[in-house]
Amino acid sequence: MSTTGPIQKRKLYQEVRDRLMARIESGEIRPGEQLPPERELMDLYGVGRPAVREALQAMERSGIVEISHGERARVVVPTADDLIRQIGSGARHLLSMQPDTLEHLKDARVFLEAGTARMAAARATPEDVAALQTRIAEHEASLAELDRFLDRDMAFHREIARISGNPIFPAIVEAIFRWGSDYYQPLVRAPGAEQLTLAEHRRIVDAIAAHDGDAAEQAMRAHLLRSNAMYQRIAQQQRTAG
């Protein structure tokens, strides 16, 4: 906390939120337990109902509590998926306002997924390999329903991230995929792209099944860089046609 500069004026709801957060963090109110009723909070903190409700809504947006109609707010334990999902709309807005950010997103995806592929190769059990083969079979079956092809593609990449053993990685992989969905859509619609994607996925699985980290990382990197290059060609063709 800064010890210099002007003291910032705070709104009442922020004080209510911070006091409730302190009670949660101290263990006074545990995950799964309900917060006190609004009236009790109003009396306890000497504030009106709007301040209490705004504090609870802020905590709900942060994934700290869940609010069901007609019930008191309940403390929850946010998952990695929950936390990353909360910044989804902001990420999409950033991409729409600053298109150059897409290149940074693609670089981040290559770095992350090449690493998770290597980790998966080191840690995959026979059951994990079978799960990956199931994801590929489902992906191939979606060729008859191309509207589902992109979701099955994402499921494959998330499965690899899951095998890495770090629960944060699957959430980030899916988030990056979702944030860039407008970018990925033309890739799976390009002629021949579907079969090429499936063939590359099979090479990745073969490397993971063989516990060959170098090959898994290289296969994933080649797959994603090829996709990026294809997108550049499609984007250029669209600009030329326009």
Protein backbone atom coordinates (compact mmCIF):
# COMPACT_ATOMS: atom_id res chain seq x y z
CA MET A 1 0.00 0.00 0.00
CA SER A 2 1.34 3.42 -0.94
CA THR A 3 2.21 5.71 1.97
CA THR A 4 2.34 8.84 -0.16
CA GLY A 5 -0.12 10.68 -2.38
CA PRO A 6 -3.70 11.72 -1.82
CA ILE A 7 -6.08 9.42 0.03
CA GLN A 8 -8.61 7.98 -2.37
CA LYS A 9 -12.24 8.37 -1.54
CA ARG A 10 -13.92 4.97 -1.46
CA LYS A 11 -17.51 4.04 -2.03
CA LEU A 12 -19.52 2.37 0.72
CA TYR A 13 -19.99 -0.86 -1.22
CA GLN A 14 -16.18 -1.23 -1.48
CA GLU A 15 -15.89 -1.08 2.30
CA VAL A 16 -18.67 -3.64 2.69
CA ARG A 17 -17.02 -5.92 0.11
CA ASP A 18 -13.61 -5.68 1.80
CA ARG A 19 -15.02 -6.46 5.23
CA LEU A 20 -16.88 -9.49 3.90
CA MET A 21 -13.77 -10.63 2.05
CA ALA A 22 -11.76 -10.35 5.28
CA ARG A 23 -14.28 -12.59 7.03
CA ILE A 24 -14.11 -15.14 4.23
CA GLU A 25 -10.30 -15.10 4.06
CA SER A 26 -10.02 -15.51 7.84
CA GLY A 27 -12.22 -18.60 7.70
CA GLU A 28 -15.03 -17.02 9.68
CA ILE A 29 -17.31 -17.69 6.70
CA ARG A 30 -16.27 -20.88 4.95
CA PRO A 31 -16.78 -22.11 1.37
CA GLY A 32 -20.31 -23.44 1.00
CA GLU A 33 -21.68 -21.30 3.80
CA GLN A 34 -24.15 -18.50 3.28
CA LEU A 35 -23.39 -14.89 4.03
CA PRO A 36 -25.56 -13.14 6.64
CA PRO A 37 -28.92 -11.75 5.41
CA GLU A 38 -28.91 -8.32 3.79
CA ARG A 39 -30.71 -6.74 6.76
CA GLU A 40 -28.12 -8.07 9.17
CA LEU A 41 -25.29 -6.72 7.02
CA MET A 42 -27.01 -3.34 6.79
CA ASP A 43 -27.28 -3.13 10.57
CA LEU A 44 -23.79 -4.48 11.17
CA TYR A 45 -22.03 -2.03 8.85
CA GLY A 46 -24.42 0.89 9.13
CA VAL A 47 -25.14 1.14 5.42
CA GLY A 48 -28.19 1.01 3.19
CA ARG A 49 -29.41 -1.90 1.06
CA PRO A 50 -27.88 -0.51 -2.20
CA ALA A 51 -24.35 -0.64 -0.73
CA VAL A 52 -24.84 -4.22 0.46
CA ARG A 53 -26.29 -5.39 -2.84
CA GLU A 54 -23.58 -3.71 -4.89
CA ALA A 55 -20.92 -5.34 -2.70
CA LEU A 56 -22.50 -8.77 -3.18
CA GLN A 57 -22.80 -8.25 -6.93
CA ALA A 58 -19.13 -7.28 -7.12
CA MET A 59 -18.20 -10.43 -5.24
CA GLU A 60 -20.37 -12.51 -7.55
CA ARG A 61 -18.65 -11.04 -10.61
CA SER A 62 -15.32 -11.98 -9.05
CA GLY A 63 -16.50 -15.56 -8.52
CA ILE A 64 -16.33 -15.32 -4.73
CA VAL A 65 -20.03 -15.89 -4.07
CA GLU A 66 -23.00 -17.20 -5.99
CA ILE A 67 -26.41 -15.62 -5.69
CA SER A 68 -29.55 -17.62 -6.37
CA HIS A 69 -32.93 -15.97 -6.57
CA GLY A 70 -34.60 -15.87 -3.17
CA GLU A 71 -31.54 -17.19 -1.32
CA ARG A 72 -28.67 -15.62 0.54
CA ALA A 73 -25.29 -15.32 -1.19
CA ARG A 74 -23.16 -18.43 -0.72
CA VAL A 75 -19.35 -18.55 -0.70
CA VAL A 76 -17.89 -20.66 -3.48
CA VAL A 77 -14.41 -21.87 -4.38
CA PRO A 78 -13.69 -20.54 -7.87
CA THR A 79 -12.02 -22.90 -10.31
CA ALA A 80 -9.40 -21.94 -12.87
CA ASP A 81 -12.14 -22.11 -15.51
CA ASP A 82 -14.30 -19.69 -13.53
CA LEU A 83 -11.51 -17.18 -13.02
CA ILE A 84 -10.36 -17.19 -16.63
CA ARG A 85 -13.92 -17.06 -17.96
CA GLN A 86 -14.43 -13.82 -16.08
CA ILE A 87 -11.89 -12.03 -18.26
CA GLY A 88 -13.26 -13.49 -21.49
CA SER A 89 -15.38 -10.52 -22.54
CA GLY A 90 -12.50 -8.16 -21.84
CA ALA A 91 -10.14 -10.28 -23.93
CA ARG A 92 -12.53 -10.33 -26.89
CA HIS A 93 -12.99 -6.58 -26.60
CA LEU A 94 -9.23 -6.11 -26.61
CA LEU A 95 -8.93 -8.24 -29.76
CA SER A 96 -11.64 -6.25 -31.51
CA MET A 97 -10.16 -2.88 -30.50
CA GLN A 98 -6.52 -3.81 -31.05
CA PRO A 99 -6.30 -6.48 -33.79
CA ASP A 100 -2.49 -6.63 -33.46
CA THR A 101 -3.09 -8.35 -30.13
CA LEU A 102 -4.11 -11.45 -32.10
CA GLU A 103 -0.49 -12.05 -33.07
CA HIS A 104 0.50 -11.99 -29.40
CA LEU A 105 -2.33 -14.39 -28.63
CA LYS A 106 -1.16 -16.81 -31.31
CA ASP A 107 2.41 -16.67 -30.01
CA ALA A 108 1.16 -17.37 -26.50
CA ARG A 109 -0.85 -20.32 -27.74
CA VAL A 110 2.13 -21.89 -29.53
CA PHE A 111 4.34 -21.45 -26.47
CA LEU A 112 1.76 -22.87 -24.07
CA GLU A 113 0.55 -25.81 -26.14
CA ALA A 114 3.99 -26.92 -27.26
CA GLY A 115 4.88 -27.09 -23.59
CA THR A 116 1.74 -28.96 -22.55
CA ALA A 117 2.31 -31.48 -25.35
CA ARG A 118 5.80 -32.16 -23.99
CA MET A 119 4.43 -32.54 -20.46
CA ALA A 120 1.67 -34.84 -21.70
CA ALA A 121 4.25 -37.08 -23.39
CA ALA A 122 6.06 -37.43 -20.06
CA ARG A 123 2.95 -38.12 -17.99
CA ALA A 124 0.39 -39.84 -20.22
CA THR A 125 -1.01 -43.12 -18.98
CA PRO A 126 -2.56 -45.72 -21.31
CA GLU A 127 -5.94 -44.34 -20.24
CA ASP A 128 -4.87 -40.82 -21.23
CA VAL A 129 -3.77 -42.01 -24.66
CA ALA A 130 -7.10 -43.79 -25.08
CA ALA A 131 -8.88 -40.56 -24.17
CA LEU A 132 -6.92 -38.69 -26.84
CA GLN A 133 -7.79 -41.34 -29.41
CA THR A 134 -11.45 -40.94 -28.44
CA ARG A 135 -11.18 -37.17 -28.95
CA ILE A 136 -9.76 -37.77 -32.43
CA ALA A 137 -12.55 -40.22 -33.27
CA GLU A 138 -15.14 -37.68 -32.15
CA HIS A 139 -13.37 -35.00 -34.12
CA GLU A 140 -13.38 -37.12 -37.24
CA ALA A 141 -17.08 -37.94 -36.77
CA SER A 142 -17.84 -34.21 -36.74
CA LEU A 143 -16.77 -33.95 -40.39
CA ALA A 144 -20.42 -34.65 -41.14
CA GLU A 145 -21.38 -31.72 -38.88
CA LEU A 146 -18.81 -29.00 -39.47
CA ASP A 147 -20.59 -26.69 -37.03
CA ARG A 148 -19.22 -28.99 -34.30
CA PHE A 149 -15.75 -29.39 -35.80
CA LEU A 150 -14.27 -26.38 -34.03
CA ASP A 151 -15.60 -27.49 -30.62
CA ARG A 152 -14.16 -30.98 -31.12
CA ASP A 153 -10.86 -29.39 -32.13
CA MET A 154 -10.82 -27.43 -28.89
CA ALA A 155 -11.71 -30.56 -26.89
CA PHE A 156 -8.66 -32.33 -28.30
CA HIS A 157 -6.30 -29.53 -27.33
CA ARG A 158 -7.86 -29.26 -23.88
CA GLU A 159 -7.41 -33.00 -23.34
CA ILE A 160 -3.68 -32.67 -23.93
CA ALA A 161 -3.51 -29.77 -21.48
CA ARG A 162 -5.40 -31.89 -18.91
CA ILE A 163 -2.87 -34.69 -19.24
CA SER A 164 -0.10 -32.23 -18.37
CA GLY A 165 -1.36 -32.47 -14.78
CA ASN A 166 -1.73 -28.72 -14.17
CA PRO A 167 -5.43 -27.78 -13.79
CA ILE A 168 -4.76 -24.20 -14.88
CA PHE A 169 -3.49 -25.18 -18.33
CA PRO A 170 -6.76 -26.64 -19.71
CA ALA A 171 -8.63 -23.50 -18.70
CA ILE A 172 -6.08 -21.24 -20.39
CA VAL A 173 -5.93 -23.37 -23.53
CA GLU A 174 -9.70 -23.28 -23.92
CA ALA A 175 -9.85 -19.57 -23.12
CA ILE A 176 -7.30 -18.69 -25.80
CA PHE A 177 -9.18 -20.90 -28.23
CA ARG A 178 -12.50 -19.22 -27.42
CA TRP A 179 -11.08 -15.69 -27.51
CA GLY A 180 -9.66 -16.33 -30.96
CA SER A 181 -12.69 -18.25 -32.27
CA ASP A 182 -13.35 -15.69 -35.00
CA TYR A 183 -9.80 -16.28 -36.19
CA TYR A 184 -9.98 -20.08 -36.03
CA GLN A 185 -13.31 -20.37 -37.85
CA PRO A 186 -11.95 -19.74 -41.38
CA LEU A 187 -9.19 -22.29 -40.81
CA VAL A 188 -11.56 -25.23 -40.45
CA ARG A 189 -13.63 -24.01 -43.40
CA ALA A 190 -10.64 -23.88 -45.75
CA PRO A 191 -10.65 -26.67 -48.39
CA GLY A 192 -8.76 -29.69 -47.09
CA ALA A 193 -8.07 -28.11 -43.73
CA GLU A 194 -10.16 -30.61 -41.79
CA GLN A 195 -8.24 -33.70 -42.93
CA LEU A 196 -4.93 -31.94 -42.49
CA THR A 197 -5.86 -30.98 -38.93
CA LEU A 198 -6.83 -34.55 -38.11
CA ALA A 199 -3.59 -35.93 -39.57
CA GLU A 200 -1.56 -33.49 -37.49
CA HIS A 201 -3.51 -34.41 -34.37
CA ARG A 202 -2.74 -38.07 -34.96
CA ARG A 203 0.98 -37.29 -35.17
CA ILE A 204 0.77 -35.46 -31.86
CA VAL A 205 -0.99 -38.40 -30.22
CA ASP A 206 1.53 -40.87 -31.64
CA ALA A 207 4.35 -38.86 -30.08
CA ILE A 208 2.57 -38.64 -26.73
CA ALA A 209 1.82 -42.37 -26.78
CA ALA A 210 5.52 -43.04 -27.43
CA HIS A 211 6.43 -40.72 -24.52
CA ASP A 212 8.61 -38.73 -26.93
CA GLY A 213 8.56 -35.21 -25.54
CA ASP A 214 10.66 -33.71 -28.32
CA ALA A 215 8.46 -35.17 -31.02
CA ALA A 216 5.25 -34.16 -29.23
CA GLU A 217 6.43 -30.59 -28.81
CA GLN A 218 7.63 -30.37 -32.41
CA ALA A 219 4.42 -31.89 -33.78
CA MET A 220 2.27 -29.44 -31.80
CA ARG A 221 4.40 -26.48 -32.78
CA ALA A 222 4.30 -27.45 -36.45
CA HIS A 223 0.52 -27.91 -36.27
CA LEU A 224 -0.11 -24.49 -34.76
CA LEU A 225 2.40 -22.65 -36.93
CA ARG A 226 0.87 -24.23 -40.02
CA SER A 227 -2.54 -23.03 -38.86
CA ASN A 228 -1.19 -19.54 -38.31
CA ALA A 229 0.36 -19.48 -41.77
CA MET A 230 -2.89 -20.69 -43.33
CA TYR A 231 -4.78 -17.92 -41.57
CA GLN A 232 -2.36 -15.35 -42.98
CA ARG A 233 -3.04 -16.64 -46.51
CA ILE A 234 -6.81 -16.64 -45.99
CA ALA A 235 -6.74 -13.13 -44.54
CA GLN A 236 -4.64 -11.91 -47.47
CA GLN A 237 -7.02 -13.51 -49.97
CA GLN A 238 -10.00 -11.86 -48.26
CA ARG A 239 -8.30 -8.45 -48.34
CA THR A 240 -7.42 -8.90 -52.02
CA ALA A 241 -10.97 -9.99 -52.89
CA GLY A 242 -12.40 -7.04 -50.97
